[in-house]
């Protein structure tokens, strides 16, 4: 989708919805990044069909979001970038990798999908694949090699199904903290890094000076 077409949806209305099909789904990160700049939050990510993705955004009326939208309009009016790159104020160059708007947009979509759909369905699907492998192993038990391979695959899939909820939960918490930090950076709530600790004291020099 063209930038102008995306921006036309974030004109102050309370809700904006995008139905993306085919290669348009590749624009989802860009749309979410633009939505954030204009004070919209990603409310839900839906998959109505195998070839379609629906993104639903709602206007955030908090003072922080409204100020961010106003600053975005002013930045564009003066010829500035639509999607800037941010890092914590006061961070020393080279010590902190800048965070791009598209990276945060990808994280926001993942968080919204997790909160909407959870992970139980995906884990159950993997578990069913594991059961299917065991069934094929039983059906092909006369062929030792094939049966053994299917049993091994079934065990591996069962382990993945059991561990997936924990993995996804840790992924969710990590990305949620990353998004919160980014929002704090954008709001100017992250102060400069603490001063470095004092260096070691040269006691030998002190002793020589005292003599």
Protein backbone atom coordinates (compact mmCIF):
# COMPACT_ATOMS: atom_id res chain seq x y z
CA UNK A 1 0.00 0.00 0.00
CA UNK A 2 1.11 3.56 -0.67
CA UNK A 3 1.96 5.78 2.27
CA UNK A 4 -0.74 8.31 1.37
CA UNK A 5 -3.39 5.59 1.36
CA UNK A 6 -2.28 4.38 4.79
CA UNK A 7 -2.11 7.87 6.30
CA UNK A 8 -5.61 8.67 5.03
CA UNK A 9 -6.99 6.05 7.45
CA UNK A 10 -5.32 7.68 10.46
CA UNK A 11 -7.07 11.03 10.11
CA UNK A 12 -8.42 11.22 13.65
CA UNK A 13 -11.23 8.68 13.34
CA UNK A 14 -11.76 6.40 16.33
CA UNK A 15 -11.06 3.14 14.51
CA UNK A 16 -9.07 2.17 11.43
CA UNK A 17 -9.14 -1.25 9.79
CA UNK A 18 -6.94 -2.76 7.09
CA UNK A 19 -7.67 -5.95 5.19
CA UNK A 20 -4.45 -7.05 3.51
CA UNK A 21 -4.26 -9.77 0.90
CA UNK A 22 -1.33 -11.43 -0.83
CA UNK A 23 1.83 -9.33 -0.88
CA UNK A 24 0.06 -6.50 0.94
CA UNK A 25 0.65 -8.40 4.19
CA UNK A 26 4.29 -7.36 3.89
CA UNK A 27 3.16 -3.79 4.65
CA UNK A 28 1.76 -4.73 8.06
CA UNK A 29 4.86 -3.52 9.98
CA UNK A 30 4.85 -0.21 8.13
CA UNK A 31 1.14 0.30 8.81
CA UNK A 32 1.56 -0.43 12.52
CA UNK A 33 4.56 1.90 12.74
CA UNK A 34 2.62 4.72 11.07
CA UNK A 35 -0.36 4.07 13.33
CA UNK A 36 1.81 4.51 16.41
CA UNK A 37 3.21 7.79 15.13
CA UNK A 38 -0.32 9.15 14.68
CA UNK A 39 -1.54 7.98 18.08
CA UNK A 40 -3.24 4.68 17.23
CA UNK A 41 -2.83 1.34 19.01
CA UNK A 42 -3.04 -2.06 17.37
CA UNK A 43 -6.11 -3.65 18.92
CA UNK A 44 -6.27 -6.98 17.09
CA UNK A 45 -4.64 -9.05 14.38
CA UNK A 46 -6.99 -11.46 12.64
CA UNK A 47 -6.53 -14.04 9.88
CA UNK A 48 -9.95 -14.34 8.21
CA UNK A 49 -8.55 -16.62 5.48
CA UNK A 50 -5.28 -18.21 4.39
CA UNK A 51 -4.49 -15.31 2.08
CA UNK A 52 -5.78 -12.38 4.14
CA UNK A 53 -4.69 -10.46 7.23
CA UNK A 54 -6.88 -7.98 9.08
CA UNK A 55 -5.34 -5.30 11.31
CA UNK A 56 -7.60 -3.28 13.60
CA UNK A 57 -6.40 -0.04 15.23
CA UNK A 58 -8.09 2.22 17.77
CA UNK A 59 -7.26 5.84 18.55
CA UNK A 60 -5.37 6.33 21.80
CA UNK A 61 -6.66 9.47 23.50
CA UNK A 62 -4.03 9.59 26.24
CA UNK A 63 -2.05 12.86 26.49
CA UNK A 64 1.15 11.05 25.49
CA UNK A 65 -0.37 9.59 22.31
CA UNK A 66 -2.04 12.88 21.35
CA UNK A 67 1.25 14.74 21.85
CA UNK A 68 3.08 12.16 19.76
CA UNK A 69 0.56 12.56 16.94
CA UNK A 70 0.91 16.33 17.05
CA UNK A 71 4.70 16.09 16.97
CA UNK A 72 4.46 13.75 13.98
CA UNK A 73 2.33 16.26 12.06
CA UNK A 74 4.80 19.02 12.89
CA UNK A 75 7.78 16.86 11.88
CA UNK A 76 6.22 16.05 8.53
CA UNK A 77 5.29 19.70 7.99
CA UNK A 78 8.95 20.70 8.38
CA UNK A 79 10.13 17.93 6.04
CA UNK A 80 11.24 15.46 8.68
CA UNK A 81 11.02 11.66 8.43
CA UNK A 82 7.75 9.86 8.98
CA UNK A 83 9.35 6.90 10.79
CA UNK A 84 12.27 8.10 12.89
CA UNK A 85 14.85 5.99 14.71
CA UNK A 86 15.07 6.41 18.46
CA UNK A 87 17.42 5.54 21.30
CA UNK A 88 17.44 6.38 24.99
CA UNK A 89 18.22 10.04 25.65
CA UNK A 90 21.75 10.46 26.96
CA UNK A 91 22.98 7.11 25.67
CA UNK A 92 26.57 7.19 24.49
CA UNK A 93 27.10 6.55 20.74
CA UNK A 94 27.97 2.94 20.09
CA UNK A 95 26.78 1.66 23.46
CA UNK A 96 23.09 1.24 22.58
CA UNK A 97 21.74 0.02 19.26
CA UNK A 98 19.07 2.36 17.89
CA UNK A 99 15.56 0.92 17.70
CA UNK A 100 13.69 1.39 14.44
CA UNK A 101 9.98 2.03 14.17
CA UNK A 102 9.50 -1.05 11.97
CA UNK A 103 11.12 -3.31 14.59
CA UNK A 104 8.74 -2.02 17.22
CA UNK A 105 5.81 -2.41 14.84
CA UNK A 106 6.69 -6.07 14.34
CA UNK A 107 6.89 -6.56 18.11
CA UNK A 108 3.53 -4.84 18.62
CA UNK A 109 1.85 -7.10 16.07
CA UNK A 110 3.29 -10.18 17.75
CA UNK A 111 2.08 -9.02 21.16
CA UNK A 112 -1.41 -8.28 19.83
CA UNK A 113 -1.61 -11.69 18.14
CA UNK A 114 -0.49 -13.43 21.33
CA UNK A 115 -3.02 -11.54 23.45
CA UNK A 116 -5.82 -12.24 20.97
CA UNK A 117 -5.17 -15.86 20.02
CA UNK A 118 -2.84 -17.15 22.73
CA UNK A 119 -0.63 -20.13 21.99
CA UNK A 120 -2.73 -23.12 23.02
CA UNK A 121 -4.12 -23.63 19.53
CA UNK A 122 -0.66 -23.76 17.98
CA UNK A 123 0.60 -26.16 20.65
CA UNK A 124 -2.46 -28.38 20.13
CA UNK A 125 -1.80 -28.42 16.37
CA UNK A 126 1.79 -29.58 16.93
CA UNK A 127 0.52 -32.20 19.36
CA UNK A 128 -1.90 -33.53 16.74
CA UNK A 129 0.96 -33.80 14.26
CA UNK A 130 2.83 -35.85 16.83
CA UNK A 131 -0.15 -38.17 17.27
CA UNK A 132 -0.34 -38.51 13.49
CA UNK A 133 3.29 -39.61 13.42
CA UNK A 134 2.61 -42.29 16.03
CA UNK A 135 -0.40 -43.47 14.01
CA UNK A 136 1.72 -43.72 10.86
CA UNK A 137 4.39 -45.58 12.82
CA UNK A 138 1.80 -48.13 13.92
CA UNK A 139 0.42 -48.45 10.40
CA UNK A 140 3.91 -49.00 8.98
CA UNK A 141 5.20 -51.19 11.80
CA UNK A 142 6.13 -53.91 9.32
CA UNK A 143 8.78 -51.58 7.89
CA UNK A 144 11.14 -51.08 10.81
CA UNK A 145 13.01 -48.09 9.39
CA UNK A 146 9.89 -46.09 8.55
CA UNK A 147 8.19 -46.95 11.84
CA UNK A 148 11.27 -45.94 13.86
CA UNK A 149 11.56 -42.64 11.99
CA UNK A 150 7.91 -41.78 12.61
CA UNK A 151 8.23 -42.64 16.30
CA UNK A 152 11.21 -40.32 16.64
CA UNK A 153 9.34 -37.56 14.82
CA UNK A 154 6.32 -38.08 17.07
CA UNK A 155 8.44 -37.79 20.20
CA UNK A 156 10.13 -34.62 18.93
CA UNK A 157 6.79 -33.01 18.07
CA UNK A 158 5.36 -33.97 21.47
CA UNK A 159 8.32 -32.30 23.20
CA UNK A 160 7.91 -29.17 21.08
CA UNK A 161 4.18 -29.05 21.85
CA UNK A 162 4.91 -29.29 25.57
CA UNK A 163 7.59 -26.58 25.54
CA UNK A 164 5.93 -24.15 23.12
CA UNK A 165 3.69 -22.37 25.70
CA UNK A 166 6.70 -21.60 27.90
CA UNK A 167 8.80 -20.42 24.97
CA UNK A 168 6.03 -18.15 23.69
CA UNK A 169 5.39 -16.77 27.18
CA UNK A 170 9.05 -15.81 27.59
CA UNK A 171 9.05 -14.29 24.09
CA UNK A 172 5.96 -12.28 25.00
CA UNK A 173 7.43 -10.90 28.23
CA UNK A 174 10.72 -9.98 26.53
CA UNK A 175 9.01 -8.10 23.71
CA UNK A 176 6.51 -6.47 26.05
CA UNK A 177 9.38 -4.99 28.08
CA UNK A 178 11.09 -3.88 24.86
CA UNK A 179 7.95 -2.08 23.67
CA UNK A 180 7.49 -0.43 27.06
CA UNK A 181 11.08 0.82 26.99
CA UNK A 182 10.58 2.19 23.48
CA UNK A 183 7.41 4.00 24.56
CA UNK A 184 9.29 5.50 27.50
CA UNK A 185 12.05 6.64 25.16
CA UNK A 186 9.54 8.29 22.86
CA UNK A 187 7.90 10.02 25.80
CA UNK A 188 11.25 11.27 27.09
CA UNK A 189 10.92 9.30 30.33
CA UNK A 190 14.27 7.54 30.09
CA UNK A 191 17.04 9.56 31.69
CA UNK A 192 20.76 9.52 30.92
CA UNK A 193 22.76 6.44 31.90
CA UNK A 194 24.32 6.40 35.39
CA UNK A 195 27.93 7.62 35.69
CA UNK A 196 30.65 4.96 35.41
CA UNK A 197 31.92 3.48 38.67
CA UNK A 198 35.11 5.03 40.10
CA UNK A 199 38.35 3.43 38.99
CA UNK A 200 40.59 1.41 41.29
CA UNK A 201 42.60 3.36 43.81
CA UNK A 202 46.38 3.21 43.37
CA UNK A 203 47.32 2.51 46.98
CA UNK A 204 51.00 2.28 46.15
CA UNK A 205 50.97 5.88 44.96
CA UNK A 206 49.15 6.94 48.13
CA UNK A 207 51.75 5.22 50.29
CA UNK A 208 54.64 6.86 48.41
CA UNK A 209 53.00 10.25 48.68
CA UNK A 210 52.53 9.86 52.43
CA UNK A 211 56.16 9.01 53.10
